[in-house]
Amino acid sequence: MSEQRKKVLEVKNVVMDFDVNGKGFFSKGHKLRALNDISFELYQGEALAVVGESGCGKSTICRTAMRFYKPTYGEILHEGKNIHKLKGEGLKYYRQKVQMIFQDPFSSLNPLHNIYYHLKRPLQLYHPCSKAEMKEKMDEYLTMVGLVPPEEQGNKNPHQLSGGQRQRAYLARILAVGAEVILADEPTSMLDVSIRLGVLNLMNRLKTEYGKSFLYITHDIATARYFADRIIVLYAGHMVEWGEVNEVVLHPRHPYTKLLLAAAPDPEREGEVELPVVRSQETEITMWTPESKGCPFANRCPHATSRCHEEMPSVHKVSENQFIRCFHTEKENANESRTKL
């Protein structure tokens, strides 16, 4: 599927370190490694979900792709060009084609202006046209995202819209800019449960009918399966499992992926569930540094061995569309091979 599509974004071996001050204002700083060797490709008309706990580095990927941060190592390519080296017209083109949806829809819109104003500005900058044509385009985008009747909704200020309507208005603004790649950072987490599905369905329609590409950041693995084509499970800035979404969700191989799925609500589940994780005072989420070694999940993993604490697992292909970083998969593969023999 992916091989037949245009590659719109490529992340290659990205490492992101942040300086962290020690005790005291003038003490020697330390480095926190927020992302470690992140690599993936995003294709036209697909949604790639990045799933993990708070603090795992999901939003840092988005912010690096938006050029808020420059990676310590590695590069991000858009249509084959390193985005952190773009200048002038090349940078303007990138900012037009790659846009971001923020978590809080209200903070994304200027409360002093109506929705028409938010659509008019990008049209003036990127698609100048006559007043009549601009009004027609603005109404078209509002209708496209489900804000109807468009004239009534366009004349409203952000505080007069619900959370879901604000997120739709911001999507209309992104469409007015001309974005082809949309970085969606927890776009439904601040919305009521009853209206989350409507926003997800809208994004899915933009993906399937208009060929928009989404990098979907979420902690909710259930919505990732509903919306995304592929998925990356992120832990402490590391890709621990990734592949086709149904392969990963229905047949998880990494202990952390299994933990996320076990923690997800299931209305058909009866009784309490024993989560597959080690519990002790030493099992806090790993704070990774450039000097850290081993598997980042080792101190919480019920299967961890001394090797897990000393070596970083290499990438293993466990099925046609599924990859993992875990030493225990080596044992499983070896057992499966002996069984087949």
C-alpha atoms as a PDB file:
ATOM      1  CA  MET A   1       0.000   0.000   0.000  1.00  0.00           C
ATOM      2  CA  SER A   2       2.616   2.554   1.113  1.00  0.00           C
ATOM      3  CA  GLU A   3       4.983   1.773  -1.768  1.00  0.00           C
ATOM      4  CA  GLN A   4       2.400   3.017  -4.295  1.00  0.00           C
ATOM      5  CA  ARG A   5       1.932   6.368  -2.586  1.00  0.00           C
ATOM      6  CA  LYS A   6       3.901   9.579  -2.584  1.00  0.00           C
ATOM      7  CA  LYS A   7       6.241   9.950   0.385  1.00  0.00           C
ATOM      8  CA  VAL A   8       5.408  13.317   1.984  1.00  0.00           C
ATOM      9  CA  LEU A   9       7.466  13.229   5.179  1.00  0.00           C
ATOM     10  CA  GLU A  10      10.508  11.216   6.203  1.00  0.00           C
ATOM     11  CA  VAL A  11      12.068  11.175   9.663  1.00  0.00           C
ATOM     12  CA  LYS A  12      15.583   9.712   9.635  1.00  0.00           C
ATOM     13  CA  ASN A  13      17.407   8.671  12.828  1.00  0.00           C
ATOM     14  CA  VAL A  14      16.273  11.732  14.778  1.00  0.00           C
ATOM     15  CA  VAL A  15      17.768  12.285  18.236  1.00  0.00           C
ATOM     16  CA  MET A  16      16.551  15.179  20.393  1.00  0.00           C
ATOM     17  CA  ASP A  17      18.452  16.211  23.523  1.00  0.00           C
ATOM     18  CA  PHE A  18      17.377  18.950  25.931  1.00  0.00           C
ATOM     19  CA  ASP A  19      19.540  20.730  28.482  1.00  0.00           C
ATOM     20  CA  VAL A  20      18.276  20.238  32.025  1.00  0.00           C
ATOM     21  CA  ASN A  21      19.667  22.310  34.899  1.00  0.00           C
ATOM     22  CA  GLY A  22      20.946  20.534  37.969  1.00  0.00           C
ATOM     23  CA  LYS A  23      20.476  21.748  41.544  1.00  0.00           C
ATOM     24  CA  GLY A  24      21.038  25.463  41.771  1.00  0.00           C
ATOM     25  CA  PHE A  25      20.779  28.058  39.038  1.00  0.00           C
ATOM     26  CA  PHE A  26      24.470  28.063  38.114  1.00  0.00           C
ATOM     27  CA  SER A  27      25.134  24.334  38.448  1.00  0.00           C
ATOM     28  CA  LYS A  28      26.392  22.295  35.556  1.00  0.00           C
ATOM     29  CA  GLY A  29      23.575  21.258  33.222  1.00  0.00           C
ATOM     30  CA  HIS A  30      22.601  17.745  32.222  1.00  0.00           C
ATOM     31  CA  LYS A  31      20.980  16.447  29.078  1.00  0.00           C
ATOM     32  CA  LEU A  32      17.670  14.644  28.732  1.00  0.00           C
ATOM     33  CA  ARG A  33      17.247  12.543  25.601  1.00  0.00           C
ATOM     34  CA  ALA A  34      13.622  13.051  24.604  1.00  0.00           C
ATOM     35  CA  LEU A  35      13.894  11.182  21.287  1.00  0.00           C
ATOM     36  CA  ASN A  36      16.341   8.437  20.412  1.00  0.00           C
ATOM     37  CA  ASP A  37      16.846   7.134  16.856  1.00  0.00           C
ATOM     38  CA  ILE A  38      13.339   7.885  15.566  1.00  0.00           C
ATOM     39  CA  SER A  39      12.802   6.847  11.933  1.00  0.00           C
ATOM     40  CA  PHE A  40       9.590   6.565   9.925  1.00  0.00           C
ATOM     41  CA  GLU A  41       7.938   7.605   6.675  1.00  0.00           C
ATOM     42  CA  LEU A  42       4.538   9.201   6.093  1.00  0.00           C
ATOM     43  CA  TYR A  43       2.749   8.737   2.783  1.00  0.00           C
ATOM     44  CA  GLN A  44       0.072  10.720   1.012  1.00  0.00           C
ATOM     45  CA  GLY A  45      -3.449   9.877   2.112  1.00  0.00           C
ATOM     46  CA  GLU A  46      -2.537   7.861   5.198  1.00  0.00           C
ATOM     47  CA  ALA A  47      -2.647   8.331   8.954  1.00  0.00           C
ATOM     48  CA  LEU A  48       0.297   7.272  11.098  1.00  0.00           C
ATOM     49  CA  ALA A  49      -0.433   7.161  14.832  1.00  0.00           C
ATOM     50  CA  VAL A  50       2.201   7.686  17.530  1.00  0.00           C
ATOM     51  CA  VAL A  51       0.983   6.205  20.823  1.00  0.00           C
ATOM     52  CA  GLY A  52       2.422   6.257  24.328  1.00  0.00           C
ATOM     53  CA  GLU A  53       2.177   7.634  27.848  1.00  0.00           C
ATOM     54  CA  SER A  54       2.539  11.309  28.727  1.00  0.00           C
ATOM     55  CA  GLY A  55       6.179  12.339  28.557  1.00  0.00           C
ATOM     56  CA  CYS A  56       7.222   9.648  26.083  1.00  0.00           C
ATOM     57  CA  GLY A  57       8.176  12.153  23.373  1.00  0.00           C
ATOM     58  CA  LYS A  58       5.075  12.094  21.143  1.00  0.00           C
ATOM     59  CA  SER A  59       4.582  15.862  21.015  1.00  0.00           C
ATOM     60  CA  THR A  60       8.325  16.437  20.663  1.00  0.00           C
ATOM     61  CA  ILE A  61       8.161  14.646  17.302  1.00  0.00           C
ATOM     62  CA  CYS A  62       5.479  17.100  16.145  1.00  0.00           C
ATOM     63  CA  ARG A  63       7.319  20.120  17.410  1.00  0.00           C
ATOM     64  CA  THR A  64      10.536  19.026  15.755  1.00  0.00           C
ATOM     65  CA  ALA A  65       8.656  18.504  12.483  1.00  0.00           C
ATOM     66  CA  MET A  66       7.237  22.025  12.854  1.00  0.00           C
ATOM     67  CA  ARG A  67      10.784  23.411  13.311  1.00  0.00           C
ATOM     68  CA  PHE A  68      10.107  24.530  16.900  1.00  0.00           C
ATOM     69  CA  TYR A  69      13.125  22.359  17.775  1.00  0.00           C
ATOM     70  CA  LYS A  70      16.165  21.466  15.739  1.00  0.00           C
ATOM     71  CA  PRO A  71      17.181  17.813  16.205  1.00  0.00           C
ATOM     72  CA  THR A  72      20.493  17.068  17.889  1.00  0.00           C
ATOM     73  CA  TYR A  73      21.147  14.400  15.269  1.00  0.00           C
ATOM     74  CA  GLY A  74      19.286  13.099  12.244  1.00  0.00           C
ATOM     75  CA  GLU A  75      17.041  14.935   9.811  1.00  0.00           C
ATOM     76  CA  ILE A  76      13.433  15.387   8.714  1.00  0.00           C
ATOM     77  CA  LEU A  77      12.741  15.502   4.988  1.00  0.00           C
ATOM     78  CA  HIS A  78       9.726  16.966   3.201  1.00  0.00           C
ATOM     79  CA  GLU A  79       9.554  16.033  -0.461  1.00  0.00           C
ATOM     80  CA  GLY A  80      13.217  15.073  -0.189  1.00  0.00           C
ATOM     81  CA  LYS A  81      14.451  18.349   1.386  1.00  0.00           C
ATOM     82  CA  ASN A  82      15.815  18.786   4.917  1.00  0.00           C
ATOM     83  CA  ILE A  83      13.245  21.033   6.601  1.00  0.00           C
ATOM     84  CA  HIS A  84      15.755  22.545   9.039  1.00  0.00           C
ATOM     85  CA  LYS A  85      17.813  23.914   6.146  1.00  0.00           C
ATOM     86  CA  LEU A  86      14.924  25.578   4.331  1.00  0.00           C
ATOM     87  CA  LYS A  87      14.915  29.347   3.830  1.00  0.00           C
ATOM     88  CA  GLY A  88      12.912  31.935   1.910  1.00  0.00           C
ATOM     89  CA  GLU A  89      10.354  30.535  -0.516  1.00  0.00           C
ATOM     90  CA  GLY A  90      11.272  26.962   0.365  1.00  0.00           C
ATOM     91  CA  LEU A  91      10.412  27.589   4.020  1.00  0.00           C
ATOM     92  CA  LYS A  92       7.196  29.393   3.094  1.00  0.00           C
ATOM     93  CA  TYR A  93       6.181  26.429   0.934  1.00  0.00           C
ATOM     94  CA  TYR A  94       6.869  23.987   3.764  1.00  0.00           C
ATOM     95  CA  ARG A  95       4.863  26.038   6.252  1.00  0.00           C
ATOM     96  CA  GLN A  96       1.980  26.048   3.811  1.00  0.00           C
ATOM     97  CA  LYS A  97       2.046  22.308   3.148  1.00  0.00           C
ATOM     98  CA  VAL A  98       2.661  21.109   6.724  1.00  0.00           C
ATOM     99  CA  GLN A  99       0.358  22.395   9.468  1.00  0.00           C
ATOM    100  CA  MET A 100      -0.337  21.397  13.061  1.00  0.00           C
ATOM    101  CA  ILE A 101      -3.529  20.925  15.077  1.00  0.00           C
ATOM    102  CA  PHE A 102      -2.950  21.749  18.728  1.00  0.00           C
ATOM    103  CA  GLN A 103      -4.487  20.027  21.725  1.00  0.00           C
ATOM    104  CA  ASP A 104      -6.542  23.011  22.903  1.00  0.00           C
ATOM    105  CA  PRO A 105      -8.767  24.307  20.074  1.00  0.00           C
ATOM    106  CA  PHE A 106      -9.618  27.535  21.924  1.00  0.00           C
ATOM    107  CA  SER A 107      -5.975  28.617  22.250  1.00  0.00           C
ATOM    108  CA  SER A 108      -5.502  28.034  18.502  1.00  0.00           C
ATOM    109  CA  LEU A 109      -7.991  30.772  17.552  1.00  0.00           C
ATOM    110  CA  ASN A 110      -7.877  34.517  18.198  1.00  0.00           C
ATOM    111  CA  PRO A 111     -10.849  35.265  20.501  1.00  0.00           C
ATOM    112  CA  LEU A 112     -11.125  38.843  19.168  1.00  0.00           C
ATOM    113  CA  HIS A 113     -11.988  37.815  15.604  1.00  0.00           C
ATOM    114  CA  ASN A 114     -14.701  35.734  13.980  1.00  0.00           C
ATOM    115  CA  ILE A 115     -14.122  32.491  12.079  1.00  0.00           C
ATOM    116  CA  TYR A 116     -14.249  34.218   8.690  1.00  0.00           C
ATOM    117  CA  TYR A 117     -11.235  36.299   9.750  1.00  0.00           C
ATOM    118  CA  HIS A 118      -9.253  33.138  10.565  1.00  0.00           C
ATOM    119  CA  LEU A 119      -9.921  31.809   7.051  1.00  0.00           C
ATOM    120  CA  LYS A 120      -9.397  35.125   5.257  1.00  0.00           C
ATOM    121  CA  ARG A 121      -5.808  35.631   6.511  1.00  0.00           C
ATOM    122  CA  PRO A 122      -4.320  32.419   5.039  1.00  0.00           C
ATOM    123  CA  LEU A 123      -6.254  32.941   1.802  1.00  0.00           C
ATOM    124  CA  GLN A 124      -4.836  36.446   1.478  1.00  0.00           C
ATOM    125  CA  LEU A 125      -1.311  35.158   2.100  1.00  0.00           C
ATOM    126  CA  TYR A 126      -1.331  32.009  -0.007  1.00  0.00           C
ATOM    127  CA  HIS A 127      -4.285  32.220  -2.405  1.00  0.00           C
ATOM    128  CA  PRO A 128      -5.088  35.891  -3.163  1.00  0.00           C
ATOM    129  CA  CYS A 129      -8.343  36.356  -5.046  1.00  0.00           C
ATOM    130  CA  SER A 130     -11.310  38.707  -5.356  1.00  0.00           C
ATOM    131  CA  LYS A 131     -13.627  39.431  -2.427  1.00  0.00           C
ATOM    132  CA  ALA A 132     -16.446  37.365  -3.953  1.00  0.00           C
ATOM    133  CA  GLU A 133     -14.182  34.403  -4.683  1.00  0.00           C
ATOM    134  CA  MET A 134     -12.750  34.560  -1.169  1.00  0.00           C
ATOM    135  CA  LYS A 135     -16.217  34.479   0.401  1.00  0.00           C
ATOM    136  CA  GLU A 136     -17.093  31.490  -1.780  1.00  0.00           C
ATOM    137  CA  LYS A 137     -13.908  29.649  -0.753  1.00  0.00           C
ATOM    138  CA  MET A 138     -14.431  30.364   2.947  1.00  0.00           C
ATOM    139  CA  ASP A 139     -17.985  29.013   2.793  1.00  0.00           C
ATOM    140  CA  GLU A 140     -16.707  25.960   0.924  1.00  0.00           C
ATOM    141  CA  TYR A 141     -14.147  25.164   3.631  1.00  0.00           C
ATOM    142  CA  LEU A 142     -16.672  25.676   6.425  1.00  0.00           C
ATOM    143  CA  THR A 143     -19.107  23.350   4.683  1.00  0.00           C
ATOM    144  CA  MET A 144     -16.316  20.821   4.123  1.00  0.00           C
ATOM    145  CA  VAL A 145     -15.661  20.574   7.880  1.00  0.00           C
ATOM    146  CA  GLY A 146     -19.344  20.477   8.818  1.00  0.00           C
ATOM    147  CA  LEU A 147     -19.834  24.060  10.070  1.00  0.00           C
ATOM    148  CA  VAL A 148     -23.176  24.808   8.465  1.00  0.00           C
ATOM    149  CA  PRO A 149     -24.856  27.034   7.553  1.00  0.00           C
ATOM    150  CA  PRO A 150     -21.443  28.540   6.724  1.00  0.00           C
ATOM    151  CA  GLU A 151     -22.424  32.217   6.908  1.00  0.00           C
ATOM    152  CA  GLU A 152     -23.934  31.820  10.353  1.00  0.00           C
ATOM    153  CA  GLN A 153     -20.943  29.865  11.694  1.00  0.00           C
ATOM    154  CA  GLY A 154     -18.373  32.077   9.961  1.00  0.00           C
ATOM    155  CA  ASN A 155     -19.653  35.211  11.677  1.00  0.00           C
ATOM    156  CA  LYS A 156     -19.300  33.674  15.131  1.00  0.00           C
ATOM    157  CA  ASN A 157     -16.367  34.279  17.457  1.00  0.00           C
ATOM    158  CA  PRO A 158     -14.521  31.257  18.948  1.00  0.00           C
ATOM    159  CA  HIS A 159     -16.231  31.582  22.355  1.00  0.00           C
ATOM    160  CA  GLN A 160     -19.594  31.085  20.637  1.00  0.00           C
ATOM    161  CA  LEU A 161     -18.579  27.639  19.358  1.00  0.00           C
ATOM    162  CA  SER A 162     -18.332  24.337  21.184  1.00  0.00           C
ATOM    163  CA  GLY A 163     -14.984  22.588  21.567  1.00  0.00           C
ATOM    164  CA  GLY A 164     -15.701  20.296  18.655  1.00  0.00           C
ATOM    165  CA  GLN A 165     -16.793  23.200  16.463  1.00  0.00           C
ATOM    166  CA  ARG A 166     -13.599  25.098  17.295  1.00  0.00           C
ATOM    167  CA  GLN A 167     -11.511  22.132  16.247  1.00  0.00           C
ATOM    168  CA  ARG A 168     -13.496  21.961  13.003  1.00  0.00           C
ATOM    169  CA  ALA A 169     -12.936  25.695  12.484  1.00  0.00           C
ATOM    170  CA  TYR A 170      -9.201  25.227  12.942  1.00  0.00           C
ATOM    171  CA  LEU A 171      -9.262  22.361  10.420  1.00  0.00           C
ATOM    172  CA  ALA A 172     -11.004  24.724   7.988  1.00  0.00           C
ATOM    173  CA  ARG A 173      -8.193  27.224   8.525  1.00  0.00           C
ATOM    174  CA  ILE A 174      -5.604  24.521   7.789  1.00  0.00           C
ATOM    175  CA  LEU A 175      -7.448  23.665   4.571  1.00  0.00           C
ATOM    176  CA  ALA A 176      -7.509  27.360   3.624  1.00  0.00           C
ATOM    177  CA  VAL A 177      -3.728  27.489   4.004  1.00  0.00           C
ATOM    178  CA  GLY A 178      -3.418  24.544   1.608  1.00  0.00           C
ATOM    179  CA  ALA A 179      -1.899  21.962   3.952  1.00  0.00           C
ATOM    180  CA  GLU A 180      -1.259  18.454   2.669  1.00  0.00           C
ATOM    181  CA  VAL A 181       0.348  17.079   5.856  1.00  0.00           C
ATOM    182  CA  ILE A 182      -1.444  17.604   9.182  1.00  0.00           C
ATOM    183  CA  LEU A 183       0.346  17.009  12.482  1.00  0.00           C
ATOM    184  CA  ALA A 184      -2.500  16.308  14.907  1.00  0.00           C
ATOM    185  CA  ASP A 185      -1.276  16.559  18.513  1.00  0.00           C
ATOM    186  CA  GLU A 186      -3.969  14.986  20.721  1.00  0.00           C
ATOM    187  CA  PRO A 187      -6.716  16.764  18.703  1.00  0.00           C
ATOM    188  CA  THR A 188      -9.610  15.131  20.583  1.00  0.00           C
ATOM    189  CA  SER A 189      -8.241  14.809  24.125  1.00  0.00           C
ATOM    190  CA  MET A 190      -9.866  18.064  25.332  1.00  0.00           C
ATOM    191  CA  LEU A 191     -13.221  17.341  23.703  1.00  0.00           C
ATOM    192  CA  ASP A 192     -16.255  15.664  25.220  1.00  0.00           C
ATOM    193  CA  VAL A 193     -16.365  11.943  24.557  1.00  0.00           C
ATOM    194  CA  SER A 194     -19.637  12.369  22.675  1.00  0.00           C
ATOM    195  CA  ILE A 195     -18.095  14.619  20.009  1.00  0.00           C
ATOM    196  CA  ARG A 196     -14.656  13.012  19.628  1.00  0.00           C
ATOM    197  CA  LEU A 197     -15.940  10.544  17.064  1.00  0.00           C
ATOM    198  CA  GLY A 198     -17.290  13.361  14.888  1.00  0.00           C
ATOM    199  CA  VAL A 199     -13.864  15.038  14.706  1.00  0.00           C
ATOM    200  CA  LEU A 200     -12.157  11.696  14.009  1.00  0.00           C
ATOM    201  CA  ASN A 201     -14.665  10.975  11.239  1.00  0.00           C
ATOM    202  CA  LEU A 202     -13.980  14.407   9.744  1.00  0.00           C
ATOM    203  CA  MET A 203     -10.210  13.775   9.740  1.00  0.00           C
ATOM    204  CA  ASN A 204     -10.815  10.360   8.228  1.00  0.00           C
ATOM    205  CA  ARG A 205     -12.849  11.963   5.423  1.00  0.00           C
ATOM    206  CA  LEU A 206     -10.092  14.493   4.773  1.00  0.00           C
ATOM    207  CA  LYS A 207      -7.682  11.576   4.537  1.00  0.00           C
ATOM    208  CA  THR A 208      -9.727   9.320   2.259  1.00  0.00           C
ATOM    209  CA  GLU A 209     -11.517  11.876   0.055  1.00  0.00           C
ATOM    210  CA  TYR A 210      -8.937  14.661  -0.161  1.00  0.00           C
ATOM    211  CA  GLY A 211      -5.678  12.726   0.247  1.00  0.00           C
ATOM    212  CA  LYS A 212      -4.512  14.556   3.381  1.00  0.00           C
ATOM    213  CA  SER A 213      -1.784  12.862   5.423  1.00  0.00           C
ATOM    214  CA  PHE A 214      -1.956  12.776   9.230  1.00  0.00           C
ATOM    215  CA  LEU A 215       0.632  12.222  11.925  1.00  0.00           C
ATOM    216  CA  TYR A 216      -1.793  11.433  14.735  1.00  0.00           C
ATOM    217  CA  ILE A 217      -0.399  11.875  18.266  1.00  0.00           C
ATOM    218  CA  THR A 218      -2.461  10.190  20.978  1.00  0.00           C
ATOM    219  CA  HIS A 219      -2.334   8.282  24.249  1.00  0.00           C
ATOM    220  CA  ASP A 220      -5.543   6.451  23.279  1.00  0.00           C
ATOM    221  CA  ILE A 221      -4.657   3.273  21.429  1.00  0.00           C
ATOM    222  CA  ALA A 222      -8.353   2.601  20.702  1.00  0.00           C
ATOM    223  CA  THR A 223      -8.779   5.778  18.624  1.00  0.00           C
ATOM    224  CA  ALA A 224      -5.434   5.050  16.957  1.00  0.00           C
ATOM    225  CA  ARG A 225      -6.821   1.748  15.709  1.00  0.00           C
ATOM    226  CA  TYR A 226     -10.033   3.435  14.567  1.00  0.00           C
ATOM    227  CA  PHE A 227      -8.351   6.223  12.592  1.00  0.00           C
ATOM    228  CA  ALA A 228      -4.788   5.222  11.677  1.00  0.00           C
ATOM    229  CA  ASP A 229      -3.375   2.943   8.986  1.00  0.00           C
ATOM    230  CA  ARG A 230      -0.067   2.377  10.763  1.00  0.00           C
ATOM    231  CA  ILE A 231       1.058   2.839  14.356  1.00  0.00           C
ATOM    232  CA  ILE A 232       4.237   3.542  16.316  1.00  0.00           C
ATOM    233  CA  VAL A 233       4.354   2.652  20.019  1.00  0.00           C
ATOM    234  CA  LEU A 234       6.715   5.071  21.766  1.00  0.00           C
ATOM    235  CA  TYR A 235       8.282   4.623  25.193  1.00  0.00           C
ATOM    236  CA  ALA A 236      10.767   7.058  26.784  1.00  0.00           C
ATOM    237  CA  GLY A 237      11.580   8.479  23.363  1.00  0.00           C
ATOM    238  CA  HIS A 238      12.149   5.058  21.757  1.00  0.00           C
ATOM    239  CA  MET A 239      10.161   3.247  19.082  1.00  0.00           C
ATOM    240  CA  VAL A 240       9.487  -0.128  20.729  1.00  0.00           C
ATOM    241  CA  GLU A 241       6.905  -1.554  18.295  1.00  0.00           C
ATOM    242  CA  TRP A 242       5.473  -0.368  14.981  1.00  0.00           C
ATOM    243  CA  GLY A 243       3.700  -1.537  11.849  1.00  0.00           C
ATOM    244  CA  GLU A 244       0.210  -1.932  10.383  1.00  0.00           C
ATOM    245  CA  VAL A 245      -2.269  -0.888  13.052  1.00  0.00           C
ATOM    246  CA  ASN A 246      -4.279  -4.128  13.127  1.00  0.00           C
ATOM    247  CA  GLU A 247      -1.130  -6.252  13.303  1.00  0.00           C
ATOM    248  CA  VAL A 248       0.177  -4.324  16.299  1.00  0.00           C
ATOM    249  CA  VAL A 249      -3.128  -3.943  18.158  1.00  0.00           C
ATOM    250  CA  LEU A 250      -4.461  -7.452  17.574  1.00  0.00           C
ATOM    251  CA  HIS A 251      -1.125  -9.243  17.907  1.00  0.00           C
ATOM    252  CA  PRO A 252       1.087  -7.130  20.207  1.00  0.00           C
ATOM    253  CA  ARG A 253       4.580  -8.507  20.794  1.00  0.00           C
ATOM    254  CA  HIS A 254       6.292  -5.922  22.987  1.00  0.00           C
ATOM    255  CA  PRO A 255       5.496  -5.995  26.745  1.00  0.00           C
ATOM    256  CA  TYR A 256       4.788  -2.239  26.718  1.00  0.00           C
ATOM    257  CA  THR A 257       2.273  -2.532  23.874  1.00  0.00           C
ATOM    258  CA  LYS A 258       0.545  -5.293  25.832  1.00  0.00           C
ATOM    259  CA  LEU A 259       0.487  -2.999  28.868  1.00  0.00           C
ATOM    260  CA  LEU A 260      -1.157  -0.174  26.899  1.00  0.00           C
ATOM    261  CA  LEU A 261      -3.820  -2.517  25.550  1.00  0.00           C
ATOM    262  CA  ALA A 262      -4.490  -4.041  28.962  1.00  0.00           C
ATOM    263  CA  ALA A 263      -4.931  -0.558  30.451  1.00  0.00           C
ATOM    264  CA  ALA A 264      -7.393   0.545  27.738  1.00  0.00           C
ATOM    265  CA  PRO A 265     -11.091   0.481  28.744  1.00  0.00           C
ATOM    266  CA  ASP A 266     -13.015  -2.545  27.503  1.00  0.00           C
ATOM    267  CA  PRO A 267     -16.803  -2.675  28.184  1.00  0.00           C
ATOM    268  CA  GLU A 268     -16.840  -6.441  27.633  1.00  0.00           C
ATOM    269  CA  ARG A 269     -14.092  -7.087  30.178  1.00  0.00           C
ATOM    270  CA  GLU A 270     -15.244  -8.546  33.484  1.00  0.00           C
ATOM    271  CA  GLY A 271     -13.454  -8.062  36.781  1.00  0.00           C
ATOM    272  CA  GLU A 272     -10.104  -6.474  37.475  1.00  0.00           C
ATOM    273  CA  VAL A 273      -7.187  -6.858  35.114  1.00  0.00           C
ATOM    274  CA  GLU A 274      -3.648  -7.593  36.243  1.00  0.00           C
ATOM    275  CA  LEU A 275      -1.478  -5.238  34.219  1.00  0.00           C
ATOM    276  CA  PRO A 276       1.689  -6.846  32.792  1.00  0.00           C
ATOM    277  CA  VAL A 277       4.197  -4.599  34.564  1.00  0.00           C
ATOM    278  CA  VAL A 278       6.604  -4.787  37.504  1.00  0.00           C
ATOM    279  CA  ARG A 279       5.511  -2.609  40.432  1.00  0.00           C
ATOM    280  CA  SER A 280       8.075  -1.169  42.836  1.00  0.00           C
ATOM    281  CA  GLN A 281       9.601   2.162  43.805  1.00  0.00           C
ATOM    282  CA  GLU A 282      12.201   1.722  41.065  1.00  0.00           C
ATOM    283  CA  THR A 283       9.689   1.300  38.256  1.00  0.00           C
ATOM    284  CA  GLU A 284       9.037   4.921  37.364  1.00  0.00           C
ATOM    285  CA  ILE A 285       9.122   5.821  33.671  1.00  0.00           C
ATOM    286  CA  THR A 286      12.752   5.949  32.562  1.00  0.00           C
ATOM    287  CA  MET A 287      14.389   9.382  32.234  1.00  0.00           C
ATOM    288  CA  TRP A 288      16.713   8.701  29.318  1.00  0.00           C
ATOM    289  CA  THR A 289      20.040  10.470  28.897  1.00  0.00           C
ATOM    290  CA  PRO A 290      22.803  10.183  26.271  1.00  0.00           C
ATOM    291  CA  GLU A 291      24.673   7.952  28.755  1.00  0.00           C
ATOM    292  CA  SER A 292      21.758   5.567  29.396  1.00  0.00           C
ATOM    293  CA  LYS A 293      22.058   1.982  28.224  1.00  0.00           C
ATOM    294  CA  GLY A 294      19.907  -1.093  27.829  1.00  0.00           C
ATOM    295  CA  CYS A 295      16.213  -1.333  26.984  1.00  0.00           C
ATOM    296  CA  PRO A 296      14.260   1.710  28.246  1.00  0.00           C
ATOM    297  CA  PHE A 297      11.408  -0.541  29.448  1.00  0.00           C
ATOM    298  CA  ALA A 298      13.665  -2.950  31.356  1.00  0.00           C
ATOM    299  CA  ASN A 299      12.924  -1.633  34.873  1.00  0.00           C
ATOM    300  CA  ARG A 300       9.157  -2.123  34.360  1.00  0.00           C
ATOM    301  CA  CYS A 301       9.229  -5.286  32.252  1.00  0.00           C
ATOM    302  CA  PRO A 302       8.236  -8.569  33.970  1.00  0.00           C
ATOM    303  CA  HIS A 303      10.454 -10.511  31.528  1.00  0.00           C
ATOM    304  CA  ALA A 304      13.613  -8.394  31.815  1.00  0.00           C
ATOM    305  CA  THR A 305      16.986 -10.125  32.160  1.00  0.00           C
ATOM    306  CA  SER A 306      20.450  -8.743  32.871  1.00  0.00           C
ATOM    307  CA  ARG A 307      20.983  -8.419  29.112  1.00  0.00           C
ATOM    308  CA  CYS A 308      17.979  -6.083  28.893  1.00  0.00           C
ATOM    309  CA  HIS A 309      19.625  -3.704  31.365  1.00  0.00           C
ATOM    310  CA  GLU A 310      22.941  -3.679  29.476  1.00  0.00           C
ATOM    311  CA  GLU A 311      22.104  -3.764  25.744  1.00  0.00           C
ATOM    312  CA  MET A 312      19.689  -1.925  23.475  1.00  0.00           C
ATOM    313  CA  PRO A 313      17.644  -4.488  21.516  1.00  0.00           C
ATOM    314  CA  SER A 314      18.022  -4.297  17.749  1.00  0.00           C
ATOM    315  CA  VAL A 315      15.042  -4.114  15.375  1.00  0.00           C
ATOM    316  CA  HIS A 316      13.335  -7.433  14.606  1.00  0.00           C
ATOM    317  CA  LYS A 317      10.732  -8.070  11.934  1.00  0.00           C
ATOM    318  CA  VAL A 318       8.128 -10.281  13.614  1.00  0.00           C
ATOM    319  CA  SER A 319       5.660 -10.353  10.718  1.00  0.00           C
ATOM    320  CA  GLU A 320       5.266  -8.868   7.255  1.00  0.00           C
ATOM    321  CA  ASN A 321       4.016  -5.518   8.598  1.00  0.00           C
ATOM    322  CA  GLN A 322       5.221  -5.490  12.206  1.00  0.00           C
ATOM    323  CA  PHE A 323       8.539  -4.569  13.827  1.00  0.00           C
ATOM    324  CA  ILE A 324       9.774  -4.597  17.414  1.00  0.00           C
ATOM    325  CA  ARG A 325      12.735  -3.849  19.668  1.00  0.00           C
ATOM    326  CA  CYS A 326      12.816  -6.648  22.261  1.00  0.00           C
ATOM    327  CA  PHE A 327      15.178  -9.511  23.128  1.00  0.00           C
ATOM    328  CA  HIS A 328      12.297 -11.809  24.124  1.00  0.00           C
ATOM    329  CA  THR A 329      11.045 -11.815  20.553  1.00  0.00           C
ATOM    330  CA  GLU A 330      14.345 -13.456  19.561  1.00  0.00           C
ATOM    331  CA  LYS A 331      13.492 -16.357  21.865  1.00  0.00           C
ATOM    332  CA  GLU A 332       9.947 -16.566  20.505  1.00  0.00           C
ATOM    333  CA  ASN A 333      11.212 -16.608  16.927  1.00  0.00           C
ATOM    334  CA  ALA A 334      13.745 -19.297  17.772  1.00  0.00           C
ATOM    335  CA  ASN A 335      11.051 -21.432  19.424  1.00  0.00           C
ATOM    336  CA  GLU A 336       8.741 -20.959  16.443  1.00  0.00           C
ATOM    337  CA  SER A 337      11.525 -22.011  14.042  1.00  0.00           C
ATOM    338  CA  ARG A 338      12.265 -25.177  16.051  1.00  0.00           C
ATOM    339  CA  THR A 339       8.542 -25.994  16.127  1.00  0.00           C
ATOM    340  CA  LYS A 340       8.296 -25.650  12.346  1.00  0.00           C
ATOM    341  CA  LEU A 341      11.322 -27.875  11.877  1.00  0.00           C
END
